[in-house]
Amino acid sequence: MNFPSVLVPLVPAAFALGWWASRRIGARRSGAEVSELSSDYFRGLNYLLNEEQDKAIEVFLKLAEYNRDTVETHLALGNLFRRRGEVDRAIRLHQHLVSRPGLSDAMKTVALLELGEDYMRAGLLDRAEALFSDLVAMDAHAPSALRHLIAIYQHERDWHKAIEHARRLEIMTGEDETPMIAQFYCELADRSRQHGARAEARDYLRQAFDCQPDCVRAFMLTGRLHAEDDQHVEAVTAYEAAVQADIAFTPEILPPLLNSYARSQQMERAEVFLREMLVRYHGISPVLALTQIYRQRDGERAGIDFLTSQLRQRPSVRGLMALIDATMDKIEGEARENFLILRDLTKKLLEGQAMYRCSRCGFGAKAHHWQCPSCKSWSTIRPIHGVASE
């Protein structure tokens, strides 16, 4: 039997309730009570299969009330409400559960964690922060509470608190959080740079490198600071180090790197570096950069010949677009009209393509993000390699 997708989250809760109902069959209940429980359970399951979700939930709530100790059932229902977007109902249910007398400390902690997630889903971040902070102070399920707090501080862009709690998480779990902490320092550095506090920005970058010596973003920000101070020789060194740290970020690094090569009159060094990249990196960006260098130095024909030869080895829509633009001025008449049509089609194809994808969750984007907008992971957005992309 195929369940409608909207019902999938309901099924585990329904079968959990069924397990609980069947367990009660051999327990203290009388035969009449067992019969009533079983009847209610199968009635609720029937509602579920017939897509009558509200009726199913009401039945399952009634089942949960048969025994005031059915904490797992209440937790499952609260999670179900939150997933369905009924956050108010989830909050009321979890608040009711937390206030229940006689609840064990372990189950109360779980209920508080669920309530904190309800608050986050509802946008009540101040309440969620207070709740998770209390749990951390009590050392109750602290790793989960710390992770939630870090997520809140990232959302609020309170990077100092995010760093503090990430370090606490490292100590508590023994897991390496330094790549994430390096990103937080980069956020602080970029904010200081934008506000003109350049010495402060460099200090934050030093701390980022202390956390992660091969932090590509820290190298890129270092290069940007040097370039803005007209120190283009130093900027080139930083940008080249960024490529060596993680060649996947080449499309983001090359534009400012090429500018610093030109401003520091190091175009021979640029050609050597890009030639080396052709061997190590199979995207189109180094090809387009070398094409531009050859066009400016050796003439239009040399650039076109190089690009044409490279496109035979690594087909690319972006490369084709560059070739059409380079040859357009040399074509007349009907052939030119055909090339204009091809150019427009190629442009539309590129406009509709995601150029980056998150390696963690698969989120597609047209622009680069250091933090994935979907799963909130850091440095997981990478260029997509293919004919229609990089």
Protein backbone atom coordinates (compact mmCIF):
# COMPACT_ATOMS: atom_id res chain seq x y z
CA MET A 1 0.00 0.00 0.00
CA ASN A 2 1.37 3.45 -0.90
CA PHE A 3 0.88 6.13 1.75
CA PRO A 4 0.37 9.74 0.56
CA SER A 5 3.53 11.68 1.30
CA VAL A 6 1.72 14.04 3.66
CA LEU A 7 0.87 11.06 5.90
CA VAL A 8 4.37 9.63 6.16
CA PRO A 9 5.30 11.57 9.35
CA LEU A 10 2.12 10.31 11.04
CA VAL A 11 2.74 6.62 10.50
CA PRO A 12 5.57 6.10 13.05
CA ALA A 13 3.52 7.79 15.78
CA ALA A 14 0.51 5.65 14.90
CA PHE A 15 2.46 2.41 15.13
CA ALA A 16 4.13 3.56 18.35
CA LEU A 17 0.69 4.03 19.80
CA GLY A 18 -0.31 0.63 18.46
CA TRP A 19 2.68 -0.97 20.15
CA TRP A 20 1.73 0.73 23.39
CA ALA A 21 -1.88 -0.41 23.06
CA SER A 22 -0.87 -4.01 22.39
CA ARG A 23 1.52 -3.89 25.33
CA ARG A 24 -1.37 -2.95 27.57
CA ILE A 25 -3.20 -6.10 26.49
CA GLY A 26 -1.03 -8.22 28.78
CA ALA A 27 -0.90 -5.65 31.58
CA ARG A 28 -3.28 -4.50 34.27
CA ARG A 29 -6.26 -3.59 32.08
CA SER A 30 -9.46 -5.61 32.08
CA GLY A 31 -10.74 -7.25 28.94
CA ALA A 32 -13.24 -4.47 28.31
CA GLU A 33 -10.56 -1.80 28.61
CA VAL A 34 -8.25 -3.75 26.28
CA SER A 35 -11.03 -4.04 23.75
CA GLU A 36 -11.67 -0.29 23.93
CA LEU A 37 -7.97 0.49 23.50
CA SER A 38 -7.64 -1.82 20.51
CA SER A 39 -10.79 -0.45 18.94
CA ASP A 40 -9.64 3.15 19.36
CA TYR A 41 -6.23 2.35 17.94
CA PHE A 42 -7.58 0.71 14.80
CA ARG A 43 -10.15 3.49 14.39
CA GLY A 44 -7.33 6.05 14.52
CA LEU A 45 -5.26 4.05 12.06
CA ASN A 46 -8.25 3.90 9.72
CA TYR A 47 -8.58 7.69 9.87
CA LEU A 48 -4.88 7.97 9.12
CA LEU A 49 -5.07 5.74 6.06
CA ASN A 50 -8.09 7.67 4.78
CA GLU A 51 -6.19 10.99 5.07
CA GLU A 52 -8.43 12.24 7.89
CA GLN A 53 -5.48 13.50 9.89
CA ASP A 54 -7.31 15.68 12.40
CA LYS A 55 -9.65 12.84 13.41
CA ALA A 56 -6.67 10.47 13.67
CA ILE A 57 -4.77 12.84 15.95
CA GLU A 58 -7.78 13.31 18.23
CA VAL A 59 -8.10 9.55 18.62
CA PHE A 60 -4.40 9.15 19.39
CA LEU A 61 -4.60 11.96 21.95
CA LYS A 62 -7.45 10.08 23.62
CA LEU A 63 -5.31 6.93 23.65
CA ALA A 64 -2.51 8.86 25.34
CA GLU A 65 -4.85 9.99 28.08
CA TYR A 66 -5.77 6.42 29.09
CA ASN A 67 -2.52 6.26 31.03
CA ARG A 68 -0.97 9.42 32.46
CA ASP A 69 2.49 7.78 32.28
CA THR A 70 2.55 7.54 28.47
CA VAL A 71 5.34 10.11 28.11
CA GLU A 72 6.71 8.65 24.88
CA THR A 73 3.31 8.96 23.26
CA HIS A 74 3.02 12.62 24.20
CA LEU A 75 6.52 13.30 22.93
CA ALA A 76 5.73 11.61 19.63
CA LEU A 77 2.52 13.63 19.25
CA GLY A 78 4.27 16.89 20.10
CA ASN A 79 6.96 16.17 17.52
CA LEU A 80 4.21 15.36 15.03
CA PHE A 81 2.45 18.67 15.66
CA ARG A 82 5.70 20.59 15.18
CA ARG A 83 6.49 18.81 11.92
CA ARG A 84 3.02 19.64 10.64
CA GLY A 85 3.53 23.31 11.47
CA GLU A 86 1.07 23.27 14.39
CA VAL A 87 3.64 24.76 16.72
CA ASP A 88 1.13 26.19 19.19
CA ARG A 89 -0.31 22.72 19.83
CA ALA A 90 3.19 21.28 20.21
CA ILE A 91 4.12 23.99 22.73
CA ARG A 92 0.97 23.42 24.80
CA LEU A 93 1.50 19.65 24.81
CA HIS A 94 5.17 19.87 25.82
CA GLN A 95 4.45 22.50 28.47
CA HIS A 96 1.76 20.23 29.90
CA LEU A 97 4.23 17.33 29.91
CA VAL A 98 6.96 19.35 31.65
CA SER A 99 4.55 20.40 34.40
CA ARG A 100 3.37 16.83 35.05
CA PRO A 101 4.20 15.75 38.65
CA GLY A 102 6.30 12.66 39.12
CA LEU A 103 8.05 12.94 35.75
CA SER A 104 11.59 11.56 35.89
CA ASP A 105 14.50 13.98 35.42
CA ALA A 106 15.57 12.22 32.22
CA MET A 107 12.12 12.45 30.62
CA LYS A 108 11.65 16.03 31.80
CA THR A 109 14.93 16.95 30.09
CA VAL A 110 13.77 15.36 26.83
CA ALA A 111 10.48 17.24 27.07
CA LEU A 112 12.34 20.52 27.69
CA LEU A 113 14.52 19.91 24.65
CA GLU A 114 11.41 19.33 22.55
CA LEU A 115 9.84 22.49 23.98
CA GLY A 116 12.97 24.45 23.07
CA GLU A 117 12.72 23.19 19.51
CA ASP A 118 9.07 24.29 19.47
CA TYR A 119 10.15 27.79 20.52
CA MET A 120 12.80 27.88 17.79
CA ARG A 121 10.29 26.77 15.17
CA ALA A 122 7.90 29.50 16.36
CA GLY A 123 10.65 32.14 16.18
CA LEU A 124 10.67 32.65 19.96
CA LEU A 125 14.45 32.58 20.11
CA ASP A 126 14.71 34.40 23.44
CA ARG A 127 12.62 31.72 25.15
CA ALA A 128 14.54 28.95 23.42
CA GLU A 129 17.88 30.49 24.43
CA ALA A 130 16.80 30.78 28.08
CA LEU A 131 15.56 27.19 28.15
CA PHE A 132 18.66 25.69 26.51
CA SER A 133 20.94 27.81 28.72
CA ASP A 134 19.20 26.40 31.81
CA LEU A 135 19.71 22.86 30.51
CA VAL A 136 23.40 23.52 29.90
CA ALA A 137 23.72 24.94 33.41
CA MET A 138 22.16 21.75 34.79
CA ASP A 139 24.45 19.57 32.62
CA ALA A 140 21.33 17.84 31.34
CA HIS A 141 21.58 16.68 27.72
CA ALA A 142 24.08 19.51 27.40
CA PRO A 143 25.51 18.56 23.98
CA SER A 144 22.08 18.84 22.34
CA ALA A 145 21.31 22.04 24.20
CA LEU A 146 24.71 23.51 23.25
CA ARG A 147 24.16 22.72 19.58
CA HIS A 148 20.79 24.45 19.69
CA LEU A 149 22.35 27.48 21.38
CA ILE A 150 25.08 27.65 18.74
CA ALA A 151 22.38 27.56 16.04
CA ILE A 152 20.55 30.44 17.76
CA TYR A 153 23.72 32.54 18.06
CA GLN A 154 24.53 31.93 14.40
CA HIS A 155 21.04 33.08 13.46
CA GLU A 156 21.48 36.20 15.60
CA ARG A 157 25.04 36.65 14.27
CA ASP A 158 26.37 36.76 17.82
CA TRP A 159 29.69 35.21 16.83
CA HIS A 160 31.42 35.68 20.17
CA LYS A 161 28.78 33.62 21.98
CA ALA A 162 28.81 31.09 19.16
CA ILE A 163 32.58 30.66 19.59
CA GLU A 164 32.27 30.36 23.38
CA HIS A 165 29.63 27.64 23.18
CA ALA A 166 31.38 25.80 20.33
CA ARG A 167 34.50 25.54 22.50
CA ARG A 168 32.38 24.22 25.38
CA LEU A 169 30.91 21.66 23.00
CA GLU A 170 34.42 20.54 22.01
CA ILE A 171 35.39 19.99 25.64
CA MET A 172 32.16 18.16 26.42
CA THR A 173 32.08 15.81 23.41
CA GLY A 174 35.72 15.58 22.35
CA GLU A 175 34.63 16.36 18.78
CA ASP A 176 36.64 18.77 16.60
CA GLU A 177 34.69 21.98 16.09
CA THR A 178 37.65 24.08 14.93
CA PRO A 179 36.57 24.37 11.25
CA MET A 180 33.26 25.85 12.38
CA ILE A 181 34.95 28.13 14.93
CA ALA A 182 37.33 29.35 12.18
CA GLN A 183 34.28 30.37 10.16
CA PHE A 184 32.94 32.34 13.13
CA TYR A 185 36.26 34.22 13.35
CA CYS A 186 36.07 34.90 9.61
CA GLU A 187 32.59 36.37 10.11
CA LEU A 188 34.00 38.66 12.79
CA ALA A 189 36.96 39.58 10.58
CA ASP A 190 34.74 40.45 7.62
CA ARG A 191 32.46 42.55 9.81
CA SER A 192 35.45 44.44 11.23
CA ARG A 193 36.83 44.95 7.71
CA GLN A 194 33.54 46.44 6.55
CA HIS A 195 33.56 48.82 9.53
CA GLY A 196 37.11 49.94 8.79
CA ALA A 197 38.66 48.20 11.83
CA ARG A 198 41.43 46.61 9.80
CA ALA A 199 43.81 45.76 12.66
CA GLU A 200 40.95 44.06 14.47
CA ALA A 201 40.07 42.16 11.30
CA ARG A 202 43.65 40.87 10.99
CA ASP A 203 43.60 39.77 14.61
CA TYR A 204 40.42 37.75 14.03
CA LEU A 205 42.03 36.19 10.95
CA ARG A 206 45.04 35.13 13.01
CA GLN A 207 42.66 33.39 15.40
CA ALA A 208 40.90 31.74 12.44
CA PHE A 209 44.26 30.36 11.24
CA ASP A 210 45.02 29.17 14.78
CA CYS A 211 41.82 27.10 14.58
CA GLN A 212 42.29 25.94 11.00
CA PRO A 213 45.69 26.63 9.36
CA ASP A 214 44.33 25.79 5.88
CA CYS A 215 41.15 27.89 6.17
CA VAL A 216 40.50 28.96 2.59
CA ARG A 217 38.12 31.73 3.61
CA ALA A 218 40.73 33.25 5.95
CA PHE A 219 43.27 33.26 3.10
CA MET A 220 40.74 34.97 0.83
CA LEU A 221 39.92 37.62 3.43
CA THR A 222 43.64 38.19 3.99
CA GLY A 223 44.08 38.72 0.27
CA ARG A 224 41.15 41.12 0.20
CA LEU A 225 42.58 43.18 3.05
CA HIS A 226 45.96 43.43 1.26
CA ALA A 227 44.28 44.35 -2.04
CA GLU A 228 42.22 47.09 -0.38
CA ASP A 229 45.46 48.46 1.11
CA ASP A 230 47.02 48.39 -2.40
CA GLN A 231 49.43 45.64 -1.31
CA HIS A 232 48.84 43.47 -4.36
CA VAL A 233 52.04 41.41 -4.15
CA GLU A 234 50.96 40.24 -0.70
CA ALA A 235 47.40 39.78 -1.97
CA VAL A 236 48.62 37.47 -4.74
CA THR A 237 50.46 35.32 -2.19
CA ALA A 238 47.34 35.05 -0.02
CA TYR A 239 45.02 34.21 -2.93
CA GLU A 240 47.42 31.58 -4.28
CA ALA A 241 47.53 30.04 -0.79
CA ALA A 242 43.71 29.95 -0.83
CA VAL A 243 43.76 27.89 -4.03
CA GLN A 244 46.34 25.53 -2.53
CA ALA A 245 44.19 25.16 0.61
CA ASP A 246 41.08 24.13 -1.34
CA ILE A 247 41.12 24.15 -5.13
CA ALA A 248 37.33 23.67 -5.23
CA PHE A 249 36.92 27.39 -4.50
CA THR A 250 38.83 28.38 -7.66
CA PRO A 251 35.85 30.18 -9.31
CA GLU A 252 35.57 32.45 -6.24
CA ILE A 253 39.30 33.07 -5.89
CA LEU A 254 40.34 33.71 -9.51
CA PRO A 255 38.64 37.10 -10.15
CA PRO A 256 40.35 38.98 -7.28
CA LEU A 257 43.58 37.01 -7.85
CA LEU A 258 43.72 38.04 -11.51
CA ASN A 259 43.11 41.66 -10.54
CA SER A 260 46.02 41.57 -8.10
CA TYR A 261 48.27 39.91 -10.69
CA ALA A 262 47.50 42.77 -13.09
CA ARG A 263 47.85 45.52 -10.47
CA SER A 264 51.22 44.14 -9.31
CA GLN A 265 52.39 43.56 -12.92
CA GLN A 266 52.89 39.83 -12.42
CA MET A 267 51.19 38.48 -15.53
CA GLU A 268 53.97 36.00 -16.25
CA ARG A 269 53.48 34.56 -12.77
CA ALA A 270 49.74 34.50 -13.49
CA GLU A 271 50.24 32.44 -16.66
CA VAL A 272 52.49 29.93 -14.89
CA PHE A 273 50.02 29.56 -12.02
CA LEU A 274 47.02 29.12 -14.33
CA ARG A 275 48.89 26.59 -16.48
CA GLU A 276 49.54 24.54 -13.35
CA MET A 277 45.87 24.79 -12.46
CA LEU A 278 44.82 23.38 -15.83
CA VAL A 279 46.39 20.10 -14.77
CA ARG A 280 44.93 20.03 -11.25
CA TYR A 281 41.52 21.62 -11.81
CA HIS A 282 39.11 20.45 -14.49
CA GLY A 283 36.65 23.33 -14.45
CA ILE A 284 36.42 26.07 -17.08
CA SER A 285 37.49 29.06 -14.93
CA PRO A 286 41.29 28.75 -15.48
CA VAL A 287 40.68 28.28 -19.22
CA LEU A 288 38.67 31.50 -19.44
CA ALA A 289 41.32 33.36 -17.42
CA LEU A 290 44.15 32.18 -19.70
CA THR A 291 42.05 32.98 -22.78
CA GLN A 292 41.77 36.57 -21.58
CA ILE A 293 45.52 36.78 -20.97
CA TYR A 294 46.37 35.46 -24.46
CA ARG A 295 43.83 37.76 -26.11
CA GLN A 296 45.37 40.82 -24.43
CA ARG A 297 48.99 39.78 -24.96
CA ASP A 298 49.03 37.88 -28.27
CA GLY A 299 45.89 39.06 -30.01
CA GLU A 300 42.31 37.93 -30.57
CA ARG A 301 43.24 34.96 -32.76
CA ALA A 302 45.57 33.45 -30.16
CA GLY A 303 42.88 33.65 -27.49
CA ILE A 304 40.23 32.07 -29.71
CA ASP A 305 42.54 29.24 -30.79
CA PHE A 306 43.43 28.42 -27.19
CA LEU A 307 39.80 28.46 -26.08
CA THR A 308 38.70 26.30 -29.01
CA SER A 309 41.37 23.69 -28.30
CA GLN A 310 40.45 23.58 -24.61
CA LEU A 311 36.71 23.23 -25.31
CA ARG A 312 37.44 20.03 -27.24
CA GLN A 313 38.98 18.60 -24.06
CA ARG A 314 36.53 20.03 -21.52
CA PRO A 315 33.14 20.94 -23.08
CA SER A 316 31.46 23.83 -21.29
CA VAL A 317 28.43 26.04 -21.90
CA ARG A 318 30.23 28.94 -20.23
CA GLY A 319 33.21 28.33 -22.51
CA LEU A 320 30.92 28.22 -25.55
CA MET A 321 29.39 31.53 -24.48
CA ALA A 322 32.86 33.09 -24.28
CA LEU A 323 33.74 31.70 -27.73
CA ILE A 324 30.56 33.13 -29.27
CA ASP A 325 31.28 36.54 -27.74
CA ALA A 326 34.87 36.46 -29.02
CA THR A 327 33.91 35.58 -32.59
CA MET A 328 30.72 37.65 -32.93
CA ASP A 329 32.45 40.71 -34.40
CA LYS A 330 33.95 38.62 -37.22
CA ILE A 331 30.63 37.19 -38.44
CA GLU A 332 28.17 38.94 -40.74
CA GLY A 333 24.85 38.34 -42.44
CA GLU A 334 22.70 35.30 -41.77
CA ALA A 335 25.48 33.54 -39.87
CA ARG A 336 25.59 36.42 -37.41
CA GLU A 337 21.83 36.20 -36.86
CA ASN A 338 22.16 32.48 -36.16
CA PHE A 339 24.97 33.13 -33.72
CA LEU A 340 22.84 35.74 -31.93
CA ILE A 341 20.08 33.16 -31.49
CA LEU A 342 22.61 30.63 -30.19
CA ARG A 343 24.02 33.23 -27.82
CA ASP A 344 20.57 34.06 -26.40
CA LEU A 345 19.74 30.38 -25.92
CA THR A 346 23.08 29.76 -24.22
CA LYS A 347 22.55 32.73 -21.93
CA LYS A 348 19.08 31.50 -20.91
CA LEU A 349 20.47 28.03 -20.25
CA LEU A 350 23.09 29.47 -17.92
CA GLU A 351 20.56 31.70 -16.14
CA GLY A 352 18.41 28.71 -15.22
CA GLN A 353 21.25 26.60 -13.84
CA ALA A 354 22.35 26.22 -10.25
CA MET A 355 26.10 26.84 -10.25
CA TYR A 356 26.75 25.61 -6.71
CA ARG A 357 25.52 22.70 -4.61
CA CYS A 358 25.84 21.75 -0.96
CA SER A 359 27.80 18.53 -0.53
CA ARG A 360 25.91 17.83 2.71
CA CYS A 361 22.23 18.30 1.81
CA GLY A 362 22.17 18.87 -1.97
CA PHE A 363 20.88 22.48 -1.82
CA GLY A 364 21.41 24.21 -5.17
CA ALA A 365 22.33 27.90 -5.51
CA LYS A 366 23.27 30.35 -8.23
CA ALA A 367 25.70 32.21 -5.96
CA HIS A 368 28.24 31.01 -3.44
CA HIS A 369 27.44 30.94 0.29
CA TRP A 370 29.91 30.11 3.04
CA GLN A 371 27.07 28.68 5.11
CA CYS A 372 24.46 26.52 3.41
CA PRO A 373 21.07 28.31 3.65
CA SER A 374 19.35 24.93 3.94
CA CYS A 375 21.30 22.67 6.34
CA LYS A 376 23.43 25.49 7.91
CA SER A 377 26.69 23.59 7.33
CA TRP A 378 29.86 25.61 6.71
CA SER A 379 32.10 25.42 3.60
CA THR A 380 29.93 22.75 1.98
CA ILE A 381 28.66 24.86 -0.94
CA ARG A 382 30.85 23.85 -3.89
CA PRO A 383 30.83 24.60 -7.65
CA ILE A 384 28.93 22.09 -9.75
CA HIS A 385 31.18 20.52 -12.37
CA GLY A 386 29.50 19.70 -15.67
CA VAL A 387 28.88 20.92 -19.20
CA ALA A 388 26.28 23.48 -18.09
CA SER A 389 28.22 24.71 -15.03
CA GLU A 390 31.85 24.90 -13.93
